[in-house]
């Protein structure tokens, strides 16, 4: 167990290090900003970037649906012995959770950050997308292999939610 915990800590730490490094250079990254600085433009900007989490969820749902069609014990929609279906279902559940947290965080950031800092939203969306893909691939290899992808997709939302709560409390 200690070996698995160490692997998770190292992978999650690597994700945090990569995020800190990338976001310390946020101003230099060629990421878009909203066209306007009014509330509608900011919310439309978030809606645009929520497509990436939506695509992540679509991918997982498509994998389950496709596999259910071809796996005899899964075609009726019940439990299956298929490892791929089970992992994809867990991925889907976690992706729904992470998407909801990201949506809340990104909307809050869109309404509170200065206009020039809104590059953070596409940075978080890209990180989310890459993180979800790595989460799924890592999960297929070994369950602890999902830690790096989870760090890339979840930690930015966690940090944003804590920051937003701090701003609200002030």
N, C-alpha and C. Protein backbone atom coordinates (compact mmCIF):
# COMPACT_ATOMS: atom_id res chain seq x y z
N UNK A 1 0.82 -1.20 0.00
CA UNK A 1 0.00 0.00 0.00
C UNK A 1 0.87 1.26 0.00
N UNK A 2 1.94 1.26 0.74
CA UNK A 2 2.80 2.44 0.82
C UNK A 2 3.38 2.79 -0.54
N UNK A 3 3.71 1.79 -1.33
CA UNK A 3 4.23 2.02 -2.67
C UNK A 3 3.22 2.72 -3.56
N UNK A 4 1.97 2.31 -3.46
CA UNK A 4 0.91 2.94 -4.25
C UNK A 4 0.68 4.37 -3.78
N UNK A 5 0.69 4.57 -2.48
CA UNK A 5 0.51 5.93 -1.96
C UNK A 5 1.63 6.84 -2.42
N UNK A 6 2.86 6.34 -2.41
CA UNK A 6 4.00 7.13 -2.87
C UNK A 6 3.86 7.47 -4.35
N UNK A 7 3.42 6.49 -5.16
CA UNK A 7 3.21 6.73 -6.59
C UNK A 7 2.17 7.82 -6.82
N UNK A 8 1.08 7.79 -6.04
CA UNK A 8 0.03 8.80 -6.17
C UNK A 8 0.56 10.17 -5.78
N UNK A 9 1.29 10.24 -4.67
CA UNK A 9 1.84 11.53 -4.21
C UNK A 9 2.81 12.09 -5.25
N UNK A 10 3.67 11.25 -5.81
CA UNK A 10 4.63 11.71 -6.81
C UNK A 10 3.93 12.18 -8.08
N UNK A 11 2.94 11.44 -8.53
CA UNK A 11 2.22 11.82 -9.75
C UNK A 11 1.41 13.09 -9.54
N UNK A 12 0.73 13.18 -8.42
CA UNK A 12 -0.05 14.39 -8.13
C UNK A 12 0.88 15.58 -7.95
N UNK A 13 2.01 15.37 -7.30
CA UNK A 13 2.99 16.44 -7.13
C UNK A 13 3.55 16.91 -8.46
N UNK A 14 3.77 15.97 -9.37
CA UNK A 14 4.25 16.33 -10.71
C UNK A 14 3.21 17.16 -11.44
N UNK A 15 1.94 16.82 -11.27
CA UNK A 15 0.86 17.60 -11.89
C UNK A 15 0.85 19.02 -11.34
N UNK A 16 0.97 19.15 -10.04
CA UNK A 16 0.99 20.48 -9.41
C UNK A 16 2.19 21.28 -9.90
N UNK A 17 3.35 20.65 -9.97
CA UNK A 17 4.55 21.34 -10.45
C UNK A 17 4.37 21.83 -11.88
N UNK A 18 3.81 20.99 -12.74
CA UNK A 18 3.57 21.38 -14.12
C UNK A 18 2.58 22.54 -14.20
N UNK A 19 1.53 22.48 -13.41
CA UNK A 19 0.53 23.56 -13.41
C UNK A 19 1.14 24.87 -12.92
N UNK A 20 1.90 24.81 -11.86
CA UNK A 20 2.54 26.03 -11.32
C UNK A 20 3.49 26.62 -12.36
N UNK A 21 4.27 25.76 -12.99
CA UNK A 21 5.21 26.23 -14.02
C UNK A 21 4.46 26.88 -15.19
N UNK A 22 3.44 26.21 -15.69
CA UNK A 22 2.69 26.74 -16.83
C UNK A 22 1.99 28.05 -16.46
N UNK A 23 1.39 28.08 -15.29
CA UNK A 23 0.60 29.25 -14.94
C UNK A 23 1.45 30.41 -14.46
N UNK A 24 2.70 30.14 -14.11
CA UNK A 24 3.60 31.25 -13.79
C UNK A 24 3.94 32.01 -15.06
N UNK A 25 3.75 31.37 -16.20
CA UNK A 25 4.00 31.98 -17.51
C UNK A 25 2.68 32.28 -18.23
N UNK A 26 1.58 32.37 -17.50
CA UNK A 26 0.26 32.54 -18.10
C UNK A 26 0.21 33.72 -19.06
N UNK A 27 0.79 34.83 -18.68
CA UNK A 27 0.74 36.03 -19.53
C UNK A 27 1.42 35.79 -20.88
N UNK A 28 2.39 34.90 -20.92
CA UNK A 28 3.13 34.63 -22.15
C UNK A 28 2.45 33.59 -23.04
N UNK A 29 1.50 32.86 -22.49
CA UNK A 29 0.86 31.80 -23.26
C UNK A 29 -0.09 32.39 -24.30
N UNK A 30 -0.10 31.85 -25.51
CA UNK A 30 -0.97 32.38 -26.56
C UNK A 30 -2.41 31.89 -26.40
N UNK A 31 -3.05 32.35 -25.35
CA UNK A 31 -4.42 31.95 -25.06
C UNK A 31 -5.35 33.14 -25.27
N UNK A 32 -6.58 32.87 -25.70
CA UNK A 32 -7.51 33.97 -25.97
C UNK A 32 -8.10 34.58 -24.71
N UNK A 33 -8.65 35.75 -24.89
CA UNK A 33 -9.42 36.45 -23.86
C UNK A 33 -10.83 36.67 -24.41
N UNK A 34 -11.80 36.95 -23.56
CA UNK A 34 -13.14 37.25 -24.07
C UNK A 34 -13.10 38.48 -24.99
N UNK A 35 -14.01 38.51 -25.95
CA UNK A 35 -14.07 39.64 -26.88
C UNK A 35 -14.40 40.94 -26.17
N UNK A 36 -15.26 40.86 -25.17
CA UNK A 36 -15.65 42.06 -24.41
C UNK A 36 -15.35 41.85 -22.94
N UNK A 37 -15.64 42.89 -22.17
CA UNK A 37 -15.41 42.79 -20.74
C UNK A 37 -16.70 42.91 -19.94
N UNK A 38 -17.83 42.76 -20.60
CA UNK A 38 -19.10 42.79 -19.89
C UNK A 38 -19.45 41.38 -19.40
N UNK A 39 -20.43 41.28 -18.56
CA UNK A 39 -20.80 39.99 -17.96
C UNK A 39 -21.18 38.97 -19.02
N UNK A 40 -21.95 39.38 -20.01
CA UNK A 40 -22.38 38.44 -21.06
C UNK A 40 -21.17 37.88 -21.82
N UNK A 41 -20.21 38.70 -22.16
CA UNK A 41 -19.02 38.24 -22.88
C UNK A 41 -18.21 37.28 -22.03
N UNK A 42 -18.10 37.57 -20.75
CA UNK A 42 -17.36 36.69 -19.84
C UNK A 42 -18.04 35.34 -19.70
N UNK A 43 -19.36 35.33 -19.55
CA UNK A 43 -20.10 34.07 -19.40
C UNK A 43 -20.08 33.27 -20.71
N UNK A 44 -20.18 33.95 -21.83
CA UNK A 44 -20.10 33.27 -23.13
C UNK A 44 -18.72 32.64 -23.30
N UNK A 45 -17.69 33.31 -22.82
CA UNK A 45 -16.33 32.80 -22.88
C UNK A 45 -16.23 31.48 -22.11
N UNK A 46 -16.79 31.45 -20.92
CA UNK A 46 -16.79 30.21 -20.12
C UNK A 46 -17.57 29.12 -20.83
N UNK A 47 -18.74 29.47 -21.36
CA UNK A 47 -19.57 28.48 -22.06
C UNK A 47 -18.79 27.85 -23.22
N UNK A 48 -18.05 28.67 -23.92
CA UNK A 48 -17.23 28.19 -25.04
C UNK A 48 -16.21 27.15 -24.55
N UNK A 49 -15.53 27.45 -23.46
CA UNK A 49 -14.48 26.55 -22.96
C UNK A 49 -15.03 25.33 -22.24
N UNK A 50 -16.30 25.35 -21.85
CA UNK A 50 -16.90 24.17 -21.23
C UNK A 50 -17.11 23.05 -22.25
N UNK A 51 -16.89 23.36 -23.52
CA UNK A 51 -16.96 22.31 -24.53
C UNK A 51 -15.91 21.23 -24.26
N UNK A 52 -14.74 21.61 -23.77
CA UNK A 52 -13.69 20.60 -23.53
C UNK A 52 -14.10 19.59 -22.46
N UNK A 53 -14.61 20.00 -21.29
CA UNK A 53 -15.12 18.99 -20.36
C UNK A 53 -16.27 18.18 -20.95
N UNK A 54 -17.12 18.85 -21.76
CA UNK A 54 -18.22 18.14 -22.41
C UNK A 54 -17.70 17.05 -23.34
N UNK A 55 -16.65 17.34 -24.08
CA UNK A 55 -16.06 16.34 -24.97
C UNK A 55 -15.45 15.18 -24.18
N UNK A 56 -14.87 15.49 -23.02
CA UNK A 56 -14.33 14.42 -22.17
C UNK A 56 -15.44 13.48 -21.72
N UNK A 57 -16.55 14.04 -21.32
CA UNK A 57 -17.67 13.21 -20.89
C UNK A 57 -18.25 12.44 -22.07
N UNK A 58 -18.37 13.10 -23.21
CA UNK A 58 -18.86 12.43 -24.42
C UNK A 58 -17.99 11.21 -24.76
N UNK A 59 -16.69 11.36 -24.66
CA UNK A 59 -15.78 10.26 -24.95
C UNK A 59 -16.08 9.06 -24.06
N UNK A 60 -16.22 9.31 -22.76
CA UNK A 60 -16.49 8.21 -21.84
C UNK A 60 -17.83 7.55 -22.09
N UNK A 61 -18.85 8.35 -22.35
CA UNK A 61 -20.19 7.80 -22.63
C UNK A 61 -20.15 6.98 -23.92
N UNK A 62 -19.44 7.49 -24.93
CA UNK A 62 -19.34 6.78 -26.20
C UNK A 62 -18.63 5.44 -26.03
N UNK A 63 -17.60 5.41 -25.21
CA UNK A 63 -16.88 4.15 -24.97
C UNK A 63 -17.81 3.13 -24.31
N UNK A 64 -18.55 3.56 -23.30
CA UNK A 64 -19.48 2.63 -22.63
C UNK A 64 -20.55 2.15 -23.60
N UNK A 65 -21.13 3.07 -24.36
CA UNK A 65 -22.19 2.68 -25.29
C UNK A 65 -21.67 1.72 -26.35
N UNK A 66 -20.52 2.01 -26.88
CA UNK A 66 -19.92 1.15 -27.89
C UNK A 66 -19.63 -0.23 -27.32
N UNK A 67 -19.05 -0.26 -26.16
CA UNK A 67 -18.71 -1.55 -25.55
C UNK A 67 -19.96 -2.34 -25.18
N UNK A 68 -20.99 -1.66 -24.70
CA UNK A 68 -22.24 -2.36 -24.36
C UNK A 68 -22.82 -3.06 -25.59
N UNK A 69 -22.66 -2.45 -26.75
CA UNK A 69 -23.19 -3.03 -27.98
C UNK A 69 -22.46 -4.33 -28.32
N UNK A 70 -21.17 -4.40 -28.04
CA UNK A 70 -20.36 -5.54 -28.46
C UNK A 70 -20.08 -6.57 -27.38
N UNK A 71 -20.41 -6.27 -26.12
CA UNK A 71 -20.12 -7.20 -25.02
C UNK A 71 -21.44 -7.86 -24.58
N UNK A 72 -21.46 -9.18 -24.68
CA UNK A 72 -22.71 -9.92 -24.47
C UNK A 72 -23.35 -9.66 -23.12
N UNK A 73 -22.57 -9.63 -22.04
CA UNK A 73 -23.18 -9.46 -20.71
C UNK A 73 -23.49 -8.00 -20.40
N UNK A 74 -23.25 -7.09 -21.33
CA UNK A 74 -23.48 -5.67 -21.08
C UNK A 74 -24.56 -5.08 -21.97
N UNK A 75 -24.97 -5.77 -23.01
CA UNK A 75 -25.87 -5.17 -23.99
C UNK A 75 -27.23 -4.81 -23.39
N UNK A 76 -27.65 -5.48 -22.32
CA UNK A 76 -28.93 -5.16 -21.69
C UNK A 76 -28.84 -4.01 -20.69
N UNK A 77 -27.65 -3.45 -20.51
CA UNK A 77 -27.49 -2.29 -19.63
C UNK A 77 -27.16 -2.61 -18.19
N UNK A 78 -27.04 -3.87 -17.85
CA UNK A 78 -26.73 -4.24 -16.47
C UNK A 78 -25.23 -4.24 -16.21
N UNK A 79 -24.88 -4.85 -15.10
CA UNK A 79 -23.46 -4.99 -14.75
C UNK A 79 -22.76 -5.85 -15.80
N UNK A 80 -21.48 -5.61 -15.95
CA UNK A 80 -20.69 -6.34 -16.92
C UNK A 80 -19.36 -6.74 -16.30
N UNK A 81 -18.82 -7.81 -16.80
CA UNK A 81 -17.49 -8.25 -16.36
C UNK A 81 -16.39 -7.55 -17.15
N UNK A 82 -16.78 -6.71 -18.10
CA UNK A 82 -15.80 -6.02 -18.93
C UNK A 82 -15.04 -4.97 -18.10
N UNK A 83 -13.73 -5.12 -18.07
CA UNK A 83 -12.88 -4.18 -17.34
C UNK A 83 -12.97 -2.78 -17.97
N UNK A 84 -12.99 -2.72 -19.30
CA UNK A 84 -13.07 -1.44 -19.99
C UNK A 84 -14.37 -0.71 -19.66
N UNK A 85 -15.48 -1.43 -19.64
CA UNK A 85 -16.76 -0.79 -19.30
C UNK A 85 -16.72 -0.29 -17.86
N UNK A 86 -16.21 -1.09 -16.95
CA UNK A 86 -16.16 -0.67 -15.54
C UNK A 86 -15.29 0.57 -15.36
N UNK A 87 -14.13 0.59 -15.98
CA UNK A 87 -13.25 1.75 -15.87
C UNK A 87 -13.90 2.97 -16.52
N UNK A 88 -14.51 2.79 -17.69
CA UNK A 88 -15.17 3.91 -18.36
C UNK A 88 -16.33 4.45 -17.53
N UNK A 89 -17.06 3.58 -16.87
CA UNK A 89 -18.16 4.04 -16.01
C UNK A 89 -17.62 4.85 -14.82
N UNK A 90 -16.55 4.39 -14.23
CA UNK A 90 -15.93 5.14 -13.13
C UNK A 90 -15.38 6.47 -13.64
N UNK A 91 -14.76 6.44 -14.80
CA UNK A 91 -14.26 7.66 -15.44
C UNK A 91 -15.42 8.64 -15.65
N UNK A 92 -16.55 8.13 -16.15
CA UNK A 92 -17.70 9.00 -16.40
C UNK A 92 -18.22 9.64 -15.12
N UNK A 93 -18.33 8.85 -14.07
CA UNK A 93 -18.80 9.39 -12.79
C UNK A 93 -17.86 10.49 -12.31
N UNK A 94 -16.56 10.22 -12.34
CA UNK A 94 -15.59 11.20 -11.88
C UNK A 94 -15.58 12.42 -12.79
N UNK A 95 -15.74 12.22 -14.08
CA UNK A 95 -15.74 13.34 -15.02
C UNK A 95 -16.96 14.23 -14.82
N UNK A 96 -18.11 13.65 -14.52
CA UNK A 96 -19.29 14.47 -14.21
C UNK A 96 -19.00 15.32 -12.96
N UNK A 97 -18.44 14.71 -11.94
CA UNK A 97 -18.11 15.44 -10.72
C UNK A 97 -17.13 16.57 -11.01
N UNK A 98 -16.06 16.24 -11.74
CA UNK A 98 -15.04 17.24 -12.03
C UNK A 98 -15.58 18.35 -12.94
N UNK A 99 -16.46 18.00 -13.88
CA UNK A 99 -17.04 19.00 -14.77
C UNK A 99 -17.92 19.98 -13.99
N UNK A 100 -18.69 19.48 -13.08
CA UNK A 100 -19.54 20.36 -12.27
C UNK A 100 -18.69 21.31 -11.44
N UNK A 101 -17.65 20.80 -10.81
CA UNK A 101 -16.76 21.67 -10.03
C UNK A 101 -16.07 22.70 -10.93
N UNK A 102 -15.62 22.26 -12.10
CA UNK A 102 -14.97 23.18 -13.04
C UNK A 102 -15.94 24.26 -13.48
N UNK A 103 -17.16 23.89 -13.78
CA UNK A 103 -18.15 24.87 -14.22
C UNK A 103 -18.39 25.93 -13.15
N UNK A 104 -18.56 25.50 -11.93
CA UNK A 104 -18.77 26.46 -10.83
C UNK A 104 -17.54 27.36 -10.69
N UNK A 105 -16.36 26.75 -10.73
CA UNK A 105 -15.12 27.52 -10.56
C UNK A 105 -14.93 28.51 -11.71
N UNK A 106 -15.10 28.05 -12.95
CA UNK A 106 -14.86 28.91 -14.10
C UNK A 106 -15.85 30.06 -14.16
N UNK A 107 -17.10 29.78 -13.82
CA UNK A 107 -18.09 30.87 -13.79
C UNK A 107 -17.72 31.90 -12.74
N UNK A 108 -17.32 31.43 -11.57
CA UNK A 108 -16.90 32.35 -10.52
C UNK A 108 -15.69 33.17 -10.93
N UNK A 109 -14.72 32.52 -11.55
CA UNK A 109 -13.53 33.25 -12.00
C UNK A 109 -13.89 34.26 -13.08
N UNK A 110 -14.76 33.87 -13.99
CA UNK A 110 -15.16 34.78 -15.07
C UNK A 110 -15.78 36.05 -14.54
N UNK A 111 -16.45 35.95 -13.40
CA UNK A 111 -17.14 37.11 -12.84
C UNK A 111 -16.28 37.91 -11.87
N UNK A 112 -15.10 37.40 -11.50
CA UNK A 112 -14.29 38.10 -10.49
C UNK A 112 -12.89 38.50 -10.95
N UNK A 113 -12.32 37.78 -11.89
CA UNK A 113 -10.94 38.09 -12.30
C UNK A 113 -10.88 39.33 -13.19
N UNK A 114 -9.77 40.04 -13.15
CA UNK A 114 -9.57 41.12 -14.11
C UNK A 114 -9.54 40.54 -15.53
N UNK A 115 -9.97 41.33 -16.50
CA UNK A 115 -10.09 40.85 -17.88
C UNK A 115 -8.81 40.18 -18.39
N UNK A 116 -7.67 40.77 -18.18
CA UNK A 116 -6.42 40.23 -18.69
C UNK A 116 -6.02 38.90 -18.09
N UNK A 117 -6.59 38.57 -16.95
CA UNK A 117 -6.27 37.31 -16.26
C UNK A 117 -7.20 36.18 -16.69
N UNK A 118 -8.19 36.48 -17.49
CA UNK A 118 -9.15 35.45 -17.90
C UNK A 118 -8.55 34.40 -18.83
N UNK A 119 -7.28 34.57 -19.22
CA UNK A 119 -6.56 33.51 -19.93
C UNK A 119 -6.51 32.24 -19.07
N UNK A 120 -6.70 32.42 -17.80
CA UNK A 120 -6.69 31.28 -16.89
C UNK A 120 -7.77 30.27 -17.25
N UNK A 121 -8.91 30.74 -17.75
CA UNK A 121 -10.01 29.82 -18.07
C UNK A 121 -9.64 28.88 -19.22
N UNK A 122 -9.15 29.36 -20.36
CA UNK A 122 -8.73 28.38 -21.37
C UNK A 122 -7.56 27.52 -20.90
N UNK A 123 -6.68 28.07 -20.08
CA UNK A 123 -5.59 27.25 -19.53
C UNK A 123 -6.15 26.12 -18.68
N UNK A 124 -7.15 26.43 -17.87
CA UNK A 124 -7.77 25.40 -17.05
C UNK A 124 -8.53 24.39 -17.91
N UNK A 125 -9.17 24.87 -18.97
CA UNK A 125 -9.92 23.97 -19.85
C UNK A 125 -8.99 23.00 -20.57
N UNK A 126 -7.89 23.50 -21.05
CA UNK A 126 -6.92 22.63 -21.74
C UNK A 126 -6.31 21.64 -20.74
N UNK A 127 -6.00 22.12 -19.56
CA UNK A 127 -5.47 21.24 -18.52
C UNK A 127 -6.50 20.17 -18.16
N UNK A 128 -7.75 20.56 -18.07
CA UNK A 128 -8.83 19.62 -17.77
C UNK A 128 -8.89 18.53 -18.84
N UNK A 129 -8.90 18.93 -20.10
CA UNK A 129 -9.00 17.99 -21.21
C UNK A 129 -7.83 17.01 -21.22
N UNK A 130 -6.63 17.53 -21.15
CA UNK A 130 -5.44 16.68 -21.14
C UNK A 130 -5.46 15.79 -19.90
N UNK A 131 -5.82 16.36 -18.77
CA UNK A 131 -5.87 15.60 -17.52
C UNK A 131 -6.86 14.46 -17.56
N UNK A 132 -8.04 14.71 -18.13
CA UNK A 132 -9.04 13.64 -18.21
C UNK A 132 -8.57 12.51 -19.12
N UNK A 133 -7.93 12.86 -20.23
CA UNK A 133 -7.41 11.81 -21.12
C UNK A 133 -6.33 10.99 -20.41
N UNK A 134 -5.42 11.67 -19.72
CA UNK A 134 -4.38 10.96 -18.99
C UNK A 134 -4.94 10.15 -17.82
N UNK A 135 -5.99 10.67 -17.18
CA UNK A 135 -6.68 9.94 -16.11
C UNK A 135 -7.19 8.61 -16.66
N UNK A 136 -7.89 8.66 -17.79
CA UNK A 136 -8.46 7.44 -18.37
C UNK A 136 -7.38 6.46 -18.80
N UNK A 137 -6.38 6.95 -19.50
CA UNK A 137 -5.28 6.08 -19.95
C UNK A 137 -4.56 5.48 -18.74
N UNK A 138 -4.27 6.31 -17.75
CA UNK A 138 -3.61 5.82 -16.55
C UNK A 138 -4.43 4.78 -15.83
N UNK A 139 -5.75 4.98 -15.78
CA UNK A 139 -6.65 4.03 -15.13
C UNK A 139 -6.61 2.69 -15.85
N UNK A 140 -6.52 2.72 -17.18
CA UNK A 140 -6.45 1.47 -17.94
C UNK A 140 -5.16 0.71 -17.64
N UNK A 141 -4.08 1.45 -17.44
CA UNK A 141 -2.78 0.82 -17.16
C UNK A 141 -2.76 0.25 -15.75
N UNK A 142 -3.09 1.08 -14.77
CA UNK A 142 -3.15 0.68 -13.36
C UNK A 142 -3.94 1.75 -12.62
N UNK A 143 -4.80 1.39 -11.69
CA UNK A 143 -5.62 2.40 -11.02
C UNK A 143 -4.83 3.58 -10.44
N UNK A 144 -3.64 3.34 -9.88
CA UNK A 144 -2.87 4.47 -9.35
C UNK A 144 -2.35 5.36 -10.47
N UNK A 145 -2.37 4.86 -11.69
CA UNK A 145 -1.90 5.62 -12.83
C UNK A 145 -2.77 6.80 -13.20
N UNK A 146 -3.91 6.90 -12.56
CA UNK A 146 -4.82 8.01 -12.86
C UNK A 146 -4.46 9.28 -12.09
N UNK A 147 -3.53 9.24 -11.16
CA UNK A 147 -3.24 10.36 -10.26
C UNK A 147 -2.75 11.61 -10.99
N UNK A 148 -1.87 11.46 -11.96
CA UNK A 148 -1.34 12.63 -12.67
C UNK A 148 -2.47 13.34 -13.42
N UNK A 149 -3.28 12.56 -14.13
CA UNK A 149 -4.41 13.14 -14.86
C UNK A 149 -5.43 13.78 -13.94
N UNK A 150 -5.68 13.16 -12.79
CA UNK A 150 -6.60 13.75 -11.83
C UNK A 150 -6.05 15.08 -11.34
N UNK A 151 -4.75 15.13 -11.08
CA UNK A 151 -4.15 16.38 -10.63
C UNK A 151 -4.31 17.50 -11.65
N UNK A 152 -4.10 17.18 -12.93
CA UNK A 152 -4.23 18.20 -13.97
C UNK A 152 -5.66 18.69 -14.13
N UNK A 153 -6.63 17.80 -13.94
CA UNK A 153 -8.03 18.20 -14.16
C UNK A 153 -8.71 18.72 -12.91
N UNK A 154 -8.39 18.19 -11.76
CA UNK A 154 -9.12 18.55 -10.54
C UNK A 154 -8.49 19.69 -9.74
N UNK A 155 -7.18 19.67 -9.60
CA UNK A 155 -6.54 20.65 -8.72
C UNK A 155 -6.77 22.10 -9.12
N UNK A 156 -6.80 22.44 -10.42
CA UNK A 156 -7.10 23.83 -10.76
C UNK A 156 -8.49 24.26 -10.29
N UNK A 157 -9.46 23.38 -10.42
CA UNK A 157 -10.81 23.71 -9.93
C UNK A 157 -10.82 23.83 -8.42
N UNK A 158 -10.14 22.92 -7.73
CA UNK A 158 -10.07 22.99 -6.28
C UNK A 158 -9.46 24.32 -5.84
N UNK A 159 -8.35 24.68 -6.47
CA UNK A 159 -7.67 25.93 -6.12
C UNK A 159 -8.57 27.13 -6.39
N UNK A 160 -9.25 27.13 -7.52
CA UNK A 160 -10.14 28.24 -7.87
C UNK A 160 -11.30 28.34 -6.87
N UNK A 161 -11.85 27.21 -6.49
CA UNK A 161 -12.97 27.23 -5.53
C UNK A 161 -12.52 27.75 -4.16
N UNK A 162 -11.34 27.34 -3.73
CA UNK A 162 -10.82 27.85 -2.45
C UNK A 162 -10.58 29.35 -2.55
N UNK A 163 -9.98 29.81 -3.66
CA UNK A 163 -9.73 31.23 -3.86
C UNK A 163 -11.04 32.02 -3.89
N UNK A 164 -12.03 31.48 -4.60
CA UNK A 164 -13.33 32.17 -4.67
C UNK A 164 -14.00 32.24 -3.29
N UNK A 165 -13.91 31.16 -2.52
CA UNK A 165 -14.47 31.17 -1.17
C UNK A 165 -13.75 32.21 -0.30
N UNK A 166 -12.43 32.31 -0.46
CA UNK A 166 -11.66 33.30 0.27
C UNK A 166 -12.12 34.71 -0.10
N UNK A 167 -12.30 34.95 -1.40
CA UNK A 167 -12.76 36.26 -1.87
C UNK A 167 -14.14 36.59 -1.32
N UNK A 168 -14.98 35.60 -1.25
CA UNK A 168 -16.34 35.79 -0.75
C UNK A 168 -16.33 36.11 0.75
N UNK A 169 -15.42 35.47 1.47
CA UNK A 169 -15.35 35.65 2.92
C UNK A 169 -14.76 36.99 3.31
N UNK A 170 -13.96 37.59 2.42
CA UNK A 170 -13.29 38.85 2.75
C UNK A 170 -14.23 40.00 2.83
